[in-house]
Amino acid sequence: MVKVFKTDVKNTRLAKKIQTELSKLIPGSFVTIDLEDCDKVLRVQANRVCSTTVMELLKKKKVKGEIMNW
């Protein structure tokens, strides 16, 4: 399962922190943040991805985020 989020992550340092923390919160996940994309797209791939967990972490880091539906 892959969940995709639009964010306002501003720099590589913050992106790496978010990736590390999400990887710990969602075991076996693969997390990427594309800072080159205008939507600063966060992708979380895992067997199960809880959107609430992702959104809570973003809020904790003072990052705006929203689920992207296709």
PDB file of N, CA and C in Angstrom:
ATOM      1  N   MET A   1       0.839  -1.163   0.000  1.00  0.00           N
ATOM      2  CA  MET A   1       0.000   0.000   0.000  1.00  0.00           C
ATOM      3  C   MET A   1       0.889   1.232   0.000  1.00  0.00           C
ATOM      4  N   VAL A   2       0.495   2.214  -0.775  1.00  0.00           N
ATOM      5  CA  VAL A   2       1.226   3.484  -0.821  1.00  0.00           C
ATOM      6  C   VAL A   2       0.243   4.606  -0.508  1.00  0.00           C
ATOM      7  N   LYS A   3       0.622   5.467   0.420  1.00  0.00           N
ATOM      8  CA  LYS A   3      -0.168   6.668   0.711  1.00  0.00           C
ATOM      9  C   LYS A   3       0.696   7.858   0.346  1.00  0.00           C
ATOM     10  N   VAL A   4       0.075   8.856  -0.257  1.00  0.00           N
ATOM     11  CA  VAL A   4       0.787  10.026  -0.753  1.00  0.00           C
ATOM     12  C   VAL A   4       0.198  11.277  -0.099  1.00  0.00           C
ATOM     13  N   PHE A   5       1.089  12.159   0.348  1.00  0.00           N
ATOM     14  CA  PHE A   5       0.681  13.369   1.054  1.00  0.00           C
ATOM     15  C   PHE A   5       1.354  14.581   0.443  1.00  0.00           C
ATOM     16  N   LYS A   6       0.617  15.667   0.339  1.00  0.00           N
ATOM     17  CA  LYS A   6       1.165  16.970  -0.051  1.00  0.00           C
ATOM     18  C   LYS A   6       1.632  17.630   1.242  1.00  0.00           C
ATOM     19  N   THR A   7       2.856  18.180   1.253  1.00  0.00           N
ATOM     20  CA  THR A   7       3.386  18.795   2.473  1.00  0.00           C
ATOM     21  C   THR A   7       4.007  20.149   2.157  1.00  0.00           C
ATOM     22  N   ASP A   8       4.476  20.793   3.213  1.00  0.00           N
ATOM     23  CA  ASP A   8       5.246  22.031   3.019  1.00  0.00           C
ATOM     24  C   ASP A   8       6.627  21.912   3.678  1.00  0.00           C
ATOM     25  N   VAL A   9       7.195  20.702   3.626  1.00  0.00           N
ATOM     26  CA  VAL A   9       8.549  20.475   4.161  1.00  0.00           C
ATOM     27  C   VAL A   9       9.499  21.416   3.425  1.00  0.00           C
ATOM     28  N   LYS A  10      10.302  22.141   4.181  1.00  0.00           N
ATOM     29  CA  LYS A  10      11.109  23.195   3.575  1.00  0.00           C
ATOM     30  C   LYS A  10      12.569  22.847   3.321  1.00  0.00           C
ATOM     31  N   ASN A  11      13.092  21.819   4.027  1.00  0.00           N
ATOM     32  CA  ASN A  11      14.511  21.544   3.846  1.00  0.00           C
ATOM     33  C   ASN A  11      14.840  20.066   4.050  1.00  0.00           C
ATOM     34  N   THR A  12      16.027  19.704   3.610  1.00  0.00           N
ATOM     35  CA  THR A  12      16.483  18.314   3.666  1.00  0.00           C
ATOM     36  C   THR A  12      16.594  17.806   5.092  1.00  0.00           C
ATOM     37  N   ARG A  13      17.048  18.639   5.991  1.00  0.00           N
ATOM     38  CA  ARG A  13      17.217  18.219   7.391  1.00  0.00           C
ATOM     39  C   ARG A  13      15.886  17.774   8.001  1.00  0.00           C
ATOM     40  N   LEU A  14      14.854  18.582   7.803  1.00  0.00           N
ATOM     41  CA  LEU A  14      13.532  18.242   8.324  1.00  0.00           C
ATOM     42  C   LEU A  14      12.984  17.006   7.619  1.00  0.00           C
ATOM     43  N   ALA A  15      13.194  16.907   6.320  1.00  0.00           N
ATOM     44  CA  ALA A  15      12.722  15.742   5.567  1.00  0.00           C
ATOM     45  C   ALA A  15      13.329  14.455   6.114  1.00  0.00           C
ATOM     46  N   LYS A  16      14.627  14.485   6.401  1.00  0.00           N
ATOM     47  CA  LYS A  16      15.299  13.298   6.934  1.00  0.00           C
ATOM     48  C   LYS A  16      14.764  12.918   8.311  1.00  0.00           C
ATOM     49  N   LYS A  17      14.481  13.919   9.153  1.00  0.00           N
ATOM     50  CA  LYS A  17      13.915  13.649  10.477  1.00  0.00           C
ATOM     51  C   LYS A  17      12.546  12.974  10.344  1.00  0.00           C
ATOM     52  N   ILE A  18      11.726  13.496   9.458  1.00  0.00           N
ATOM     53  CA  ILE A  18      10.393  12.933   9.250  1.00  0.00           C
ATOM     54  C   ILE A  18      10.503  11.510   8.720  1.00  0.00           C
ATOM     55  N   GLN A  19      11.382  11.291   7.750  1.00  0.00           N
ATOM     56  CA  GLN A  19      11.579   9.945   7.197  1.00  0.00           C
ATOM     57  C   GLN A  19      12.011   8.966   8.285  1.00  0.00           C
ATOM     58  N   THR A  20      12.958   9.358   9.108  1.00  0.00           N
ATOM     59  CA  THR A  20      13.463   8.494  10.175  1.00  0.00           C
ATOM     60  C   THR A  20      12.360   8.155  11.177  1.00  0.00           C
ATOM     61  N   GLU A  21      11.626   9.156  11.613  1.00  0.00           N
ATOM     62  CA  GLU A  21      10.580   8.922  12.612  1.00  0.00           C
ATOM     63  C   GLU A  21       9.432   8.079  12.055  1.00  0.00           C
ATOM     64  N   LEU A  22       9.039   8.329  10.810  1.00  0.00           N
ATOM     65  CA  LEU A  22       7.973   7.519  10.216  1.00  0.00           C
ATOM     66  C   LEU A  22       8.413   6.071  10.037  1.00  0.00           C
ATOM     67  N   SER A  23       9.673   5.869   9.686  1.00  0.00           N
ATOM     68  CA  SER A  23      10.195   4.511   9.536  1.00  0.00           C
ATOM     69  C   SER A  23      10.141   3.753  10.860  1.00  0.00           C
ATOM     70  N   LYS A  24      10.337   4.457  11.968  1.00  0.00           N
ATOM     71  CA  LYS A  24      10.245   3.830  13.283  1.00  0.00           C
ATOM     72  C   LYS A  24       8.792   3.563  13.668  1.00  0.00           C
ATOM     73  N   LEU A  25       7.908   4.508  13.343  1.00  0.00           N
ATOM     74  CA  LEU A  25       6.495   4.367  13.696  1.00  0.00           C
ATOM     75  C   LEU A  25       5.771   3.315  12.850  1.00  0.00           C
ATOM     76  N   ILE A  26       6.237   3.146  11.616  1.00  0.00           N
ATOM     77  CA  ILE A  26       5.608   2.197  10.686  1.00  0.00           C
ATOM     78  C   ILE A  26       6.684   1.196  10.260  1.00  0.00           C
ATOM     79  N   PRO A  27       6.863   0.129  11.047  1.00  0.00           N
ATOM     80  CA  PRO A  27       7.910  -0.861  10.756  1.00  0.00           C
ATOM     81  C   PRO A  27       7.773  -1.440   9.333  1.00  0.00           C
ATOM     82  N   GLY A  28       8.918  -1.603   8.686  1.00  0.00           N
ATOM     83  CA  GLY A  28       8.929  -2.175   7.342  1.00  0.00           C
ATOM     84  C   GLY A  28       8.514  -1.206   6.254  1.00  0.00           C
ATOM     85  N   SER A  29       8.415   0.076   6.601  1.00  0.00           N
ATOM     86  CA  SER A  29       7.968   1.063   5.614  1.00  0.00           C
ATOM     87  C   SER A  29       9.129   1.623   4.804  1.00  0.00           C
ATOM     88  N   PHE A  30       8.785   2.160   3.650  1.00  0.00           N
ATOM     89  CA  PHE A  30       9.726   2.882   2.793  1.00  0.00           C
ATOM     90  C   PHE A  30       9.151   4.285   2.647  1.00  0.00           C
ATOM     91  N   VAL A  31       9.896   5.290   3.110  1.00  0.00           N
ATOM     92  CA  VAL A  31       9.388   6.661   3.165  1.00  0.00           C
ATOM     93  C   VAL A  31      10.276   7.568   2.323  1.00  0.00           C
ATOM     94  N   THR A  32       9.657   8.365   1.467  1.00  0.00           N
ATOM     95  CA  THR A  32      10.407   9.345   0.678  1.00  0.00           C
ATOM     96  C   THR A  32       9.687  10.689   0.707  1.00  0.00           C
ATOM     97  N   ILE A  33      10.467  11.752   0.586  1.00  0.00           N
ATOM     98  CA  ILE A  33       9.917  13.099   0.437  1.00  0.00           C
ATOM     99  C   ILE A  33      10.636  13.739  -0.743  1.00  0.00           C
ATOM    100  N   ASP A  34       9.856  14.138  -1.728  1.00  0.00           N
ATOM    101  CA  ASP A  34      10.411  14.743  -2.933  1.00  0.00           C
ATOM    102  C   ASP A  34      10.392  16.260  -2.792  1.00  0.00           C
ATOM    103  N   LEU A  35      11.510  16.821  -2.371  1.00  0.00           N
ATOM    104  CA  LEU A  35      11.602  18.263  -2.173  1.00  0.00           C
ATOM    105  C   LEU A  35      11.655  19.034  -3.490  1.00  0.00           C
ATOM    106  N   GLU A  36      11.931  18.356  -4.587  1.00  0.00           N
ATOM    107  CA  GLU A  36      11.978  19.002  -5.900  1.00  0.00           C
ATOM    108  C   GLU A  36      10.575  19.228  -6.462  1.00  0.00           C
ATOM    109  N   ASP A  37       9.612  18.438  -6.006  1.00  0.00           N
ATOM    110  CA  ASP A  37       8.228  18.551  -6.466  1.00  0.00           C
ATOM    111  C   ASP A  37       7.583  19.782  -5.825  1.00  0.00           C
ATOM    112  N   CYS A  38       6.731  20.471  -6.564  1.00  0.00           N
ATOM    113  CA  CYS A  38       6.090  21.676  -6.028  1.00  0.00           C
ATOM    114  C   CYS A  38       5.193  21.368  -4.830  1.00  0.00           C
ATOM    115  N   ASP A  39       4.720  20.137  -4.716  1.00  0.00           N
ATOM    116  CA  ASP A  39       3.865  19.730  -3.598  1.00  0.00           C
ATOM    117  C   ASP A  39       4.644  19.079  -2.460  1.00  0.00           C
ATOM    118  N   LYS A  40       5.981  19.033  -2.582  1.00  0.00           N
ATOM    119  CA  LYS A  40       6.830  18.409  -1.536  1.00  0.00           C
ATOM    120  C   LYS A  40       6.225  17.062  -1.110  1.00  0.00           C
ATOM    121  N   VAL A  41       6.046  16.185  -2.089  1.00  0.00           N
ATOM    122  CA  VAL A  41       5.297  14.940  -1.919  1.00  0.00           C
ATOM    123  C   VAL A  41       5.996  13.962  -0.977  1.00  0.00           C
ATOM    124  N   LEU A  42       5.225  13.521   0.025  1.00  0.00           N
ATOM    125  CA  LEU A  42       5.649  12.503   0.977  1.00  0.00           C
ATOM    126  C   LEU A  42       4.949  11.208   0.580  1.00  0.00           C
ATOM    127  N   ARG A  43       5.740  10.157   0.343  1.00  0.00           N
ATOM    128  CA  ARG A  43       5.185   8.841   0.005  1.00  0.00           C
ATOM    129  C   ARG A  43       5.573   7.858   1.091  1.00  0.00           C
ATOM    130  N   VAL A  44       4.583   7.111   1.558  1.00  0.00           N
ATOM    131  CA  VAL A  44       4.826   6.092   2.561  1.00  0.00           C
ATOM    132  C   VAL A  44       4.316   4.767   1.999  1.00  0.00           C
ATOM    133  N   GLN A  45       5.239   3.806   1.862  1.00  0.00           N
ATOM    134  CA  GLN A  45       4.885   2.498   1.335  1.00  0.00           C
ATOM    135  C   GLN A  45       5.106   1.463   2.433  1.00  0.00           C
ATOM    136  N   ALA A  46       4.061   0.685   2.722  1.00  0.00           N
ATOM    137  CA  ALA A  46       4.139  -0.358   3.746  1.00  0.00           C
ATOM    138  C   ALA A  46       2.926  -1.268   3.595  1.00  0.00           C
ATOM    139  N   ASN A  47       2.942  -2.371   4.329  1.00  0.00           N
ATOM    140  CA  ASN A  47       1.784  -3.264   4.305  1.00  0.00           C
ATOM    141  C   ASN A  47       0.540  -2.545   4.804  1.00  0.00           C
ATOM    142  N   ARG A  48       0.700  -1.760   5.860  1.00  0.00           N
ATOM    143  CA  ARG A  48      -0.401  -0.961   6.404  1.00  0.00           C
ATOM    144  C   ARG A  48       0.128   0.432   6.702  1.00  0.00           C
ATOM    145  N   VAL A  49      -0.585   1.430   6.227  1.00  0.00           N
ATOM    146  CA  VAL A  49      -0.198   2.815   6.478  1.00  0.00           C
ATOM    147  C   VAL A  49      -1.393   3.525   7.105  1.00  0.00           C
ATOM    148  N   CYS A  50      -1.214   4.011   8.321  1.00  0.00           N
ATOM    149  CA  CYS A  50      -2.265   4.754   9.011  1.00  0.00           C
ATOM    150  C   CYS A  50      -2.062   6.245   8.731  1.00  0.00           C
ATOM    151  N   SER A  51      -2.981   6.823   7.991  1.00  0.00           N
ATOM    152  CA  SER A  51      -2.877   8.243   7.645  1.00  0.00           C
ATOM    153  C   SER A  51      -2.837   9.120   8.884  1.00  0.00           C
ATOM    154  N   THR A  52      -3.558   8.727   9.916  1.00  0.00           N
ATOM    155  CA  THR A  52      -3.587   9.506  11.162  1.00  0.00           C
ATOM    156  C   THR A  52      -2.199   9.582  11.778  1.00  0.00           C
ATOM    157  N   THR A  53      -1.467   8.471  11.771  1.00  0.00           N
ATOM    158  CA  THR A  53      -0.111   8.442  12.319  1.00  0.00           C
ATOM    159  C   THR A  53       0.779   9.425  11.564  1.00  0.00           C
ATOM    160  N   VAL A  54       0.679   9.417  10.251  1.00  0.00           N
ATOM    161  CA  VAL A  54       1.491  10.313   9.420  1.00  0.00           C
ATOM    162  C   VAL A  54       1.123  11.770   9.701  1.00  0.00           C
ATOM    163  N   MET A  55      -0.170  12.057   9.712  1.00  0.00           N
ATOM    164  CA  MET A  55      -0.623  13.432   9.918  1.00  0.00           C
ATOM    165  C   MET A  55      -0.241  13.953  11.312  1.00  0.00           C
ATOM    166  N   GLU A  56      -0.312  13.083  12.330  1.00  0.00           N
ATOM    167  CA  GLU A  56       0.070  13.494  13.678  1.00  0.00           C
ATOM    168  C   GLU A  56       1.559  13.841  13.757  1.00  0.00           C
ATOM    169  N   LEU A  57       2.388  13.048  13.088  1.00  0.00           N
ATOM    170  CA  LEU A  57       3.820  13.345  13.083  1.00  0.00           C
ATOM    171  C   LEU A  57       4.094  14.667  12.362  1.00  0.00           C
ATOM    172  N   LEU A  58       3.439  14.878  11.232  1.00  0.00           N
ATOM    173  CA  LEU A  58       3.628  16.129  10.503  1.00  0.00           C
ATOM    174  C   LEU A  58       3.225  17.321  11.381  1.00  0.00           C
ATOM    175  N   LYS A  59       2.102  17.187  12.059  1.00  0.00           N
ATOM    176  CA  LYS A  59       1.636  18.263  12.943  1.00  0.00           C
ATOM    177  C   LYS A  59       2.650  18.523  14.058  1.00  0.00           C
ATOM    178  N   LYS A  60       3.188  17.448  14.628  1.00  0.00           N
ATOM    179  CA  LYS A  60       4.195  17.562  15.690  1.00  0.00           C
ATOM    180  C   LYS A  60       5.428  18.322  15.192  1.00  0.00           C
ATOM    181  N   LYS A  61       5.767  18.112  13.923  1.00  0.00           N
ATOM    182  CA  LYS A  61       6.935  18.778  13.329  1.00  0.00           C
ATOM    183  C   LYS A  61       6.585  20.143  12.738  1.00  0.00           C
ATOM    184  N   LYS A  62       5.334  20.586  12.943  1.00  0.00           N
ATOM    185  CA  LYS A  62       4.846  21.863  12.427  1.00  0.00           C
ATOM    186  C   LYS A  62       4.904  21.927  10.904  1.00  0.00           C
ATOM    187  N   VAL A  63       4.536  20.814  10.290  1.00  0.00           N
ATOM    188  CA  VAL A  63       4.494  20.707   8.830  1.00  0.00           C
ATOM    189  C   VAL A  63       3.039  20.534   8.411  1.00  0.00           C
ATOM    190  N   LYS A  64       2.614  21.320   7.450  1.00  0.00           N
ATOM    191  CA  LYS A  64       1.257  21.164   6.914  1.00  0.00           C
ATOM    192  C   LYS A  64       1.257  19.954   5.989  1.00  0.00           C
ATOM    193  N   GLY A  65       0.184  19.198   6.048  1.00  0.00           N
ATOM    194  CA  GLY A  65       0.081  18.029   5.179  1.00  0.00           C
ATOM    195  C   GLY A  65      -1.361  17.693   4.877  1.00  0.00           C
ATOM    196  N   GLU A  66      -1.557  17.114   3.720  1.00  0.00           N
ATOM    197  CA  GLU A  66      -2.898  16.635   3.353  1.00  0.00           C
ATOM    198  C   GLU A  66      -2.754  15.423   2.459  1.00  0.00           C
ATOM    199  N   ILE A  67      -3.696  14.504   2.587  1.00  0.00           N
ATOM    200  CA  ILE A  67      -3.681  13.289   1.773  1.00  0.00           C
ATOM    201  C   ILE A  67      -4.006  13.671   0.339  1.00  0.00           C
ATOM    202  N   MET A  68      -3.243  13.133  -0.593  1.00  0.00           N
ATOM    203  CA  MET A  68      -3.518  13.355  -2.008  1.00  0.00           C
ATOM    204  C   MET A  68      -4.303  12.166  -2.535  1.00  0.00           C
ATOM    205  N   ASN A  69      -5.514  12.433  -3.008  1.00  0.00           N
ATOM    206  CA  ASN A  69      -6.347  11.395  -3.604  1.00  0.00           C
ATOM    207  C   ASN A  69      -6.283  11.516  -5.114  1.00  0.00           C
ATOM    208  N   TRP A  70      -6.209  10.381  -5.762  1.00  0.00           N
ATOM    209  CA  TRP A  70      -6.065  10.380  -7.224  1.00  0.00           C
ATOM    210  C   TRP A  70      -7.318   9.946  -7.861  1.00  0.00           C
TER     211      TRP A  70
END
